Amino acid sequence: MAYITVKRPVLLSILLVKSYIFLVLFSMGMLLSPETKRLGDFFPALFGLLVAFRFIALTGVWYMKRWGAELFMITFGASMIKDIVFDSVSVLSVLWQVGLIVAFAVYYKRMDKNL
């Protein structure tokens, strides 16, 4: 079976590299912080799953897969619920993620439907 490869746009590559740094690496630092552990027993595990799914979603978009963009939107919704419940909404993070969703929507038709 022949696969069609879609070249990733430069803008998307730049946004994804910055997102790996800010949304995944910095989140891992927050995951290991004492403030996160004080929020409860289940919260670090929940936050860790959210960071892992966000990493998987960004990797899917890196390979120009539609499921990556869809999973990113789901993790955005879950992180918004988490931030509202724990009263830790960061405006900069929300704006960055909304900008990513807009960029993913622009290139969504060019992304591959298959796994």
N, C-alpha and C. Protein backbone atom coordinates (compact mmCIF):
# COMPACT_ATOMS: atom_id res chain seq x y z
N MET A 1 0.84 -1.16 0.00
CA MET A 1 0.00 0.00 0.00
C MET A 1 0.89 1.24 0.00
N ALA A 2 0.63 2.15 -0.89
CA ALA A 2 1.43 3.36 -1.00
C ALA A 2 0.91 4.42 -0.04
N TYR A 3 1.84 5.04 0.67
CA TYR A 3 1.49 6.11 1.59
C TYR A 3 1.87 7.45 0.98
N ILE A 4 1.02 8.41 1.17
CA ILE A 4 1.29 9.75 0.70
C ILE A 4 1.82 10.56 1.89
N THR A 5 2.99 11.11 1.72
CA THR A 5 3.55 11.91 2.80
C THR A 5 3.28 13.38 2.52
N VAL A 6 2.86 14.08 3.53
CA VAL A 6 2.59 15.51 3.42
C VAL A 6 3.71 16.25 4.12
N LYS A 7 4.29 17.20 3.41
CA LYS A 7 5.36 17.98 4.01
C LYS A 7 4.78 18.93 5.05
N ARG A 8 5.37 18.91 6.23
CA ARG A 8 4.90 19.75 7.32
C ARG A 8 5.29 21.20 7.05
N PRO A 9 4.35 22.13 7.16
CA PRO A 9 4.68 23.55 6.95
C PRO A 9 5.65 24.06 8.01
N VAL A 10 6.46 25.04 7.64
CA VAL A 10 7.48 25.58 8.52
C VAL A 10 6.84 26.23 9.75
N LEU A 11 5.75 26.96 9.55
CA LEU A 11 5.07 27.61 10.67
C LEU A 11 4.62 26.58 11.70
N LEU A 12 4.07 25.48 11.22
CA LEU A 12 3.62 24.42 12.12
C LEU A 12 4.80 23.79 12.86
N SER A 13 5.91 23.62 12.18
CA SER A 13 7.11 23.06 12.82
C SER A 13 7.60 23.96 13.95
N ILE A 14 7.64 25.26 13.70
CA ILE A 14 8.10 26.20 14.72
C ILE A 14 7.16 26.19 15.93
N LEU A 15 5.86 26.21 15.66
CA LEU A 15 4.88 26.19 16.75
C LEU A 15 4.97 24.90 17.56
N LEU A 16 5.20 23.79 16.88
CA LEU A 16 5.27 22.51 17.59
C LEU A 16 6.52 22.41 18.46
N VAL A 17 7.66 22.89 17.97
CA VAL A 17 8.88 22.83 18.77
C VAL A 17 8.72 23.69 20.02
N LYS A 18 8.16 24.89 19.86
CA LYS A 18 7.92 25.75 21.03
C LYS A 18 6.92 25.11 21.98
N SER A 19 5.93 24.42 21.43
CA SER A 19 4.93 23.77 22.27
C SER A 19 5.52 22.60 23.04
N TYR A 20 6.43 21.84 22.41
CA TYR A 20 7.10 20.77 23.15
C TYR A 20 7.84 21.35 24.35
N ILE A 21 8.49 22.49 24.14
CA ILE A 21 9.27 23.09 25.22
C ILE A 21 8.35 23.64 26.31
N PHE A 22 7.38 24.45 25.94
CA PHE A 22 6.56 25.14 26.93
C PHE A 22 5.45 24.28 27.52
N LEU A 23 4.74 23.54 26.68
CA LEU A 23 3.58 22.80 27.18
C LEU A 23 3.93 21.44 27.76
N VAL A 24 5.06 20.87 27.35
CA VAL A 24 5.40 19.53 27.85
C VAL A 24 6.54 19.61 28.87
N LEU A 25 7.65 20.21 28.51
CA LEU A 25 8.81 20.22 29.42
C LEU A 25 8.54 21.03 30.68
N PHE A 26 7.96 22.21 30.54
CA PHE A 26 7.67 23.02 31.73
C PHE A 26 6.56 22.37 32.55
N SER A 27 5.64 21.68 31.90
CA SER A 27 4.58 20.99 32.65
C SER A 27 5.15 19.84 33.45
N MET A 28 6.19 19.20 32.94
CA MET A 28 6.82 18.13 33.70
C MET A 28 7.47 18.69 34.97
N GLY A 29 8.04 19.88 34.88
CA GLY A 29 8.60 20.52 36.06
C GLY A 29 7.52 20.84 37.09
N MET A 30 6.37 21.30 36.60
CA MET A 30 5.26 21.58 37.51
C MET A 30 4.71 20.30 38.13
N LEU A 31 4.75 19.23 37.37
CA LEU A 31 4.25 17.95 37.86
C LEU A 31 5.05 17.47 39.06
N LEU A 32 6.33 17.74 39.07
CA LEU A 32 7.20 17.27 40.15
C LEU A 32 7.34 18.27 41.30
N SER A 33 6.62 19.38 41.23
CA SER A 33 6.76 20.40 42.26
C SER A 33 5.98 20.04 43.53
N PRO A 34 6.40 20.55 44.67
CA PRO A 34 5.69 20.29 45.93
C PRO A 34 4.27 20.86 45.95
N GLU A 35 4.06 21.97 45.22
CA GLU A 35 2.71 22.56 45.18
C GLU A 35 1.70 21.61 44.55
N THR A 36 2.14 20.88 43.54
CA THR A 36 1.25 19.92 42.89
C THR A 36 0.94 18.76 43.82
N LYS A 37 1.90 18.32 44.58
CA LYS A 37 1.68 17.20 45.50
C LYS A 37 0.74 17.58 46.64
N ARG A 38 0.73 18.86 47.01
CA ARG A 38 -0.15 19.31 48.08
C ARG A 38 -1.62 19.36 47.67
N LEU A 39 -1.91 19.31 46.38
CA LEU A 39 -3.29 19.41 45.92
C LEU A 39 -4.09 18.13 46.13
N GLY A 40 -3.43 17.04 46.41
CA GLY A 40 -4.13 15.80 46.67
C GLY A 40 -3.38 14.60 46.14
N ASP A 41 -3.93 13.43 46.43
CA ASP A 41 -3.28 12.20 46.00
C ASP A 41 -3.48 11.92 44.51
N PHE A 42 -4.65 12.23 44.01
CA PHE A 42 -4.96 11.88 42.63
C PHE A 42 -4.47 12.93 41.63
N PHE A 43 -4.28 14.16 42.08
CA PHE A 43 -3.98 15.25 41.15
C PHE A 43 -2.67 15.06 40.39
N PRO A 44 -1.54 14.65 41.00
CA PRO A 44 -0.33 14.45 40.21
C PRO A 44 -0.50 13.38 39.12
N ALA A 45 -1.24 12.33 39.42
CA ALA A 45 -1.47 11.29 38.42
C ALA A 45 -2.34 11.83 37.27
N LEU A 46 -3.37 12.57 37.61
CA LEU A 46 -4.24 13.16 36.60
C LEU A 46 -3.47 14.16 35.75
N PHE A 47 -2.68 14.99 36.38
CA PHE A 47 -1.89 15.97 35.66
C PHE A 47 -0.84 15.29 34.79
N GLY A 48 -0.25 14.21 35.28
CA GLY A 48 0.72 13.45 34.48
C GLY A 48 0.09 12.84 33.24
N LEU A 49 -1.11 12.31 33.38
CA LEU A 49 -1.82 11.78 32.20
C LEU A 49 -2.12 12.88 31.20
N LEU A 50 -2.50 14.02 31.69
CA LEU A 50 -2.79 15.15 30.81
C LEU A 50 -1.54 15.58 30.04
N VAL A 51 -0.41 15.64 30.70
CA VAL A 51 0.85 16.00 30.04
C VAL A 51 1.24 14.93 29.03
N ALA A 52 1.06 13.66 29.38
CA ALA A 52 1.39 12.56 28.46
C ALA A 52 0.51 12.61 27.21
N PHE A 53 -0.79 12.82 27.39
CA PHE A 53 -1.68 12.90 26.24
C PHE A 53 -1.38 14.12 25.38
N ARG A 54 -0.98 15.22 26.00
CA ARG A 54 -0.61 16.42 25.24
C ARG A 54 0.64 16.13 24.41
N PHE A 55 1.61 15.42 24.98
CA PHE A 55 2.81 15.04 24.25
C PHE A 55 2.46 14.14 23.07
N ILE A 56 1.58 13.17 23.29
CA ILE A 56 1.17 12.27 22.21
C ILE A 56 0.44 13.05 21.12
N ALA A 57 -0.40 14.00 21.51
CA ALA A 57 -1.13 14.80 20.53
C ALA A 57 -0.18 15.64 19.69
N LEU A 58 0.80 16.28 20.32
CA LEU A 58 1.76 17.08 19.57
C LEU A 58 2.60 16.22 18.64
N THR A 59 2.92 15.00 19.06
CA THR A 59 3.65 14.08 18.20
C THR A 59 2.80 13.69 16.99
N GLY A 60 1.51 13.47 17.21
CA GLY A 60 0.61 13.17 16.09
C GLY A 60 0.55 14.31 15.10
N VAL A 61 0.49 15.54 15.58
CA VAL A 61 0.47 16.69 14.67
C VAL A 61 1.81 16.83 13.97
N TRP A 62 2.90 16.50 14.67
CA TRP A 62 4.23 16.55 14.04
C TRP A 62 4.27 15.66 12.81
N TYR A 63 3.63 14.50 12.90
CA TYR A 63 3.57 13.58 11.76
C TYR A 63 2.38 13.86 10.85
N MET A 64 1.75 15.02 11.04
CA MET A 64 0.63 15.48 10.20
C MET A 64 -0.53 14.49 10.19
N LYS A 65 -0.93 14.05 11.37
CA LYS A 65 -2.06 13.15 11.53
C LYS A 65 -3.23 13.91 12.15
N ARG A 66 -4.42 13.66 11.64
CA ARG A 66 -5.60 14.36 12.14
C ARG A 66 -5.92 13.99 13.57
N TRP A 67 -5.63 12.76 13.96
CA TRP A 67 -5.94 12.35 15.33
C TRP A 67 -5.13 13.16 16.33
N GLY A 68 -3.96 13.64 15.93
CA GLY A 68 -3.15 14.46 16.82
C GLY A 68 -3.84 15.79 17.13
N ALA A 69 -4.39 16.43 16.10
CA ALA A 69 -5.09 17.70 16.29
C ALA A 69 -6.36 17.48 17.13
N GLU A 70 -7.05 16.38 16.87
CA GLU A 70 -8.27 16.09 17.63
C GLU A 70 -7.95 15.79 19.10
N LEU A 71 -6.89 15.02 19.33
CA LEU A 71 -6.49 14.71 20.71
C LEU A 71 -6.02 15.96 21.43
N PHE A 72 -5.37 16.87 20.72
CA PHE A 72 -4.94 18.12 21.33
C PHE A 72 -6.15 18.94 21.78
N MET A 73 -7.20 18.97 20.98
CA MET A 73 -8.41 19.70 21.37
C MET A 73 -9.06 19.08 22.61
N ILE A 74 -9.02 17.76 22.69
CA ILE A 74 -9.58 17.08 23.87
C ILE A 74 -8.74 17.41 25.11
N THR A 75 -7.42 17.37 24.96
CA THR A 75 -6.57 17.70 26.12
C THR A 75 -6.70 19.17 26.51
N PHE A 76 -6.95 20.04 25.53
CA PHE A 76 -7.19 21.44 25.86
C PHE A 76 -8.44 21.59 26.70
N GLY A 77 -9.50 20.90 26.31
CA GLY A 77 -10.73 20.94 27.10
C GLY A 77 -10.52 20.38 28.50
N ALA A 78 -9.80 19.27 28.61
CA ALA A 78 -9.54 18.68 29.91
C ALA A 78 -8.67 19.58 30.78
N SER A 79 -7.69 20.23 30.16
CA SER A 79 -6.84 21.13 30.95
C SER A 79 -7.61 22.37 31.39
N MET A 80 -8.55 22.83 30.58
CA MET A 80 -9.38 23.96 30.99
C MET A 80 -10.26 23.59 32.18
N ILE A 81 -10.82 22.40 32.16
CA ILE A 81 -11.62 21.93 33.30
C ILE A 81 -10.75 21.84 34.54
N LYS A 82 -9.55 21.28 34.40
CA LYS A 82 -8.62 21.16 35.53
C LYS A 82 -8.24 22.54 36.07
N ASP A 83 -7.94 23.47 35.17
CA ASP A 83 -7.53 24.81 35.60
C ASP A 83 -8.67 25.55 36.30
N ILE A 84 -9.89 25.39 35.82
CA ILE A 84 -11.03 26.06 36.44
C ILE A 84 -11.32 25.45 37.82
N VAL A 85 -11.26 24.13 37.92
CA VAL A 85 -11.54 23.47 39.20
C VAL A 85 -10.50 23.86 40.25
N PHE A 86 -9.24 23.89 39.87
CA PHE A 86 -8.17 24.19 40.83
C PHE A 86 -7.78 25.67 40.82
N ASP A 87 -8.52 26.49 40.11
CA ASP A 87 -8.33 27.93 40.08
C ASP A 87 -6.88 28.31 39.74
N SER A 88 -6.39 27.73 38.64
CA SER A 88 -5.02 28.00 38.22
C SER A 88 -4.96 28.34 36.72
N VAL A 89 -5.90 29.14 36.25
CA VAL A 89 -5.97 29.47 34.83
C VAL A 89 -4.85 30.46 34.49
N SER A 90 -4.06 30.12 33.49
CA SER A 90 -3.00 30.98 32.99
C SER A 90 -3.43 31.53 31.63
N VAL A 91 -3.58 32.82 31.55
CA VAL A 91 -4.07 33.45 30.32
C VAL A 91 -3.10 33.21 29.16
N LEU A 92 -1.81 33.28 29.44
CA LEU A 92 -0.81 33.07 28.40
C LEU A 92 -0.89 31.65 27.84
N SER A 93 -1.05 30.68 28.71
CA SER A 93 -1.17 29.29 28.28
C SER A 93 -2.44 29.07 27.46
N VAL A 94 -3.54 29.67 27.89
CA VAL A 94 -4.79 29.52 27.16
C VAL A 94 -4.67 30.15 25.77
N LEU A 95 -4.08 31.33 25.70
CA LEU A 95 -3.91 31.99 24.39
C LEU A 95 -3.00 31.19 23.47
N TRP A 96 -1.94 30.62 24.04
CA TRP A 96 -1.02 29.81 23.23
C TRP A 96 -1.74 28.57 22.68
N GLN A 97 -2.51 27.89 23.52
CA GLN A 97 -3.19 26.69 23.08
C GLN A 97 -4.30 26.99 22.08
N VAL A 98 -5.00 28.11 22.26
CA VAL A 98 -6.02 28.50 21.29
C VAL A 98 -5.36 28.84 19.96
N GLY A 99 -4.21 29.50 20.00
CA GLY A 99 -3.46 29.78 18.77
C GLY A 99 -3.03 28.51 18.07
N LEU A 100 -2.62 27.51 18.84
CA LEU A 100 -2.26 26.22 18.25
C LEU A 100 -3.47 25.55 17.59
N ILE A 101 -4.60 25.60 18.26
CA ILE A 101 -5.80 25.00 17.70
C ILE A 101 -6.18 25.69 16.40
N VAL A 102 -6.04 27.00 16.33
CA VAL A 102 -6.33 27.73 15.09
C VAL A 102 -5.35 27.30 13.99
N ALA A 103 -4.06 27.18 14.34
CA ALA A 103 -3.07 26.74 13.35
C ALA A 103 -3.36 25.31 12.89
N PHE A 104 -3.76 24.44 13.82
CA PHE A 104 -4.10 23.07 13.44
C PHE A 104 -5.33 23.05 12.53
N ALA A 105 -6.28 23.93 12.79
CA ALA A 105 -7.49 23.98 11.96
C ALA A 105 -7.16 24.45 10.54
N VAL A 106 -6.19 25.35 10.41
CA VAL A 106 -5.81 25.83 9.09
C VAL A 106 -5.21 24.69 8.26
N TYR A 107 -4.40 23.85 8.88
CA TYR A 107 -3.73 22.76 8.16
C TYR A 107 -4.45 21.42 8.31
N TYR A 108 -5.63 21.40 8.87
CA TYR A 108 -6.33 20.14 9.16
C TYR A 108 -6.61 19.34 7.89
N LYS A 109 -7.01 20.00 6.82
CA LYS A 109 -7.32 19.28 5.58
C LYS A 109 -6.10 18.64 4.95
N ARG A 110 -4.92 19.19 5.23
CA ARG A 110 -3.67 18.62 4.69
C ARG A 110 -3.17 17.44 5.50
N MET A 111 -3.76 17.22 6.69
CA MET A 111 -3.32 16.14 7.56
C MET A 111 -3.91 14.81 7.09
N ASP A 112 -3.18 13.74 7.42
CA ASP A 112 -3.56 12.40 7.01
C ASP A 112 -4.65 11.85 7.93
N LYS A 113 -5.65 11.18 7.33
CA LYS A 113 -6.73 10.58 8.11
C LYS A 113 -6.31 9.26 8.76
N ASN A 114 -5.37 8.59 8.15
CA ASN A 114 -4.97 7.27 8.63
C ASN A 114 -4.06 7.36 9.84
N LEU A 115 -3.95 6.22 10.54
CA LEU A 115 -3.04 6.19 11.69
C LEU A 115 -1.63 6.20 11.18
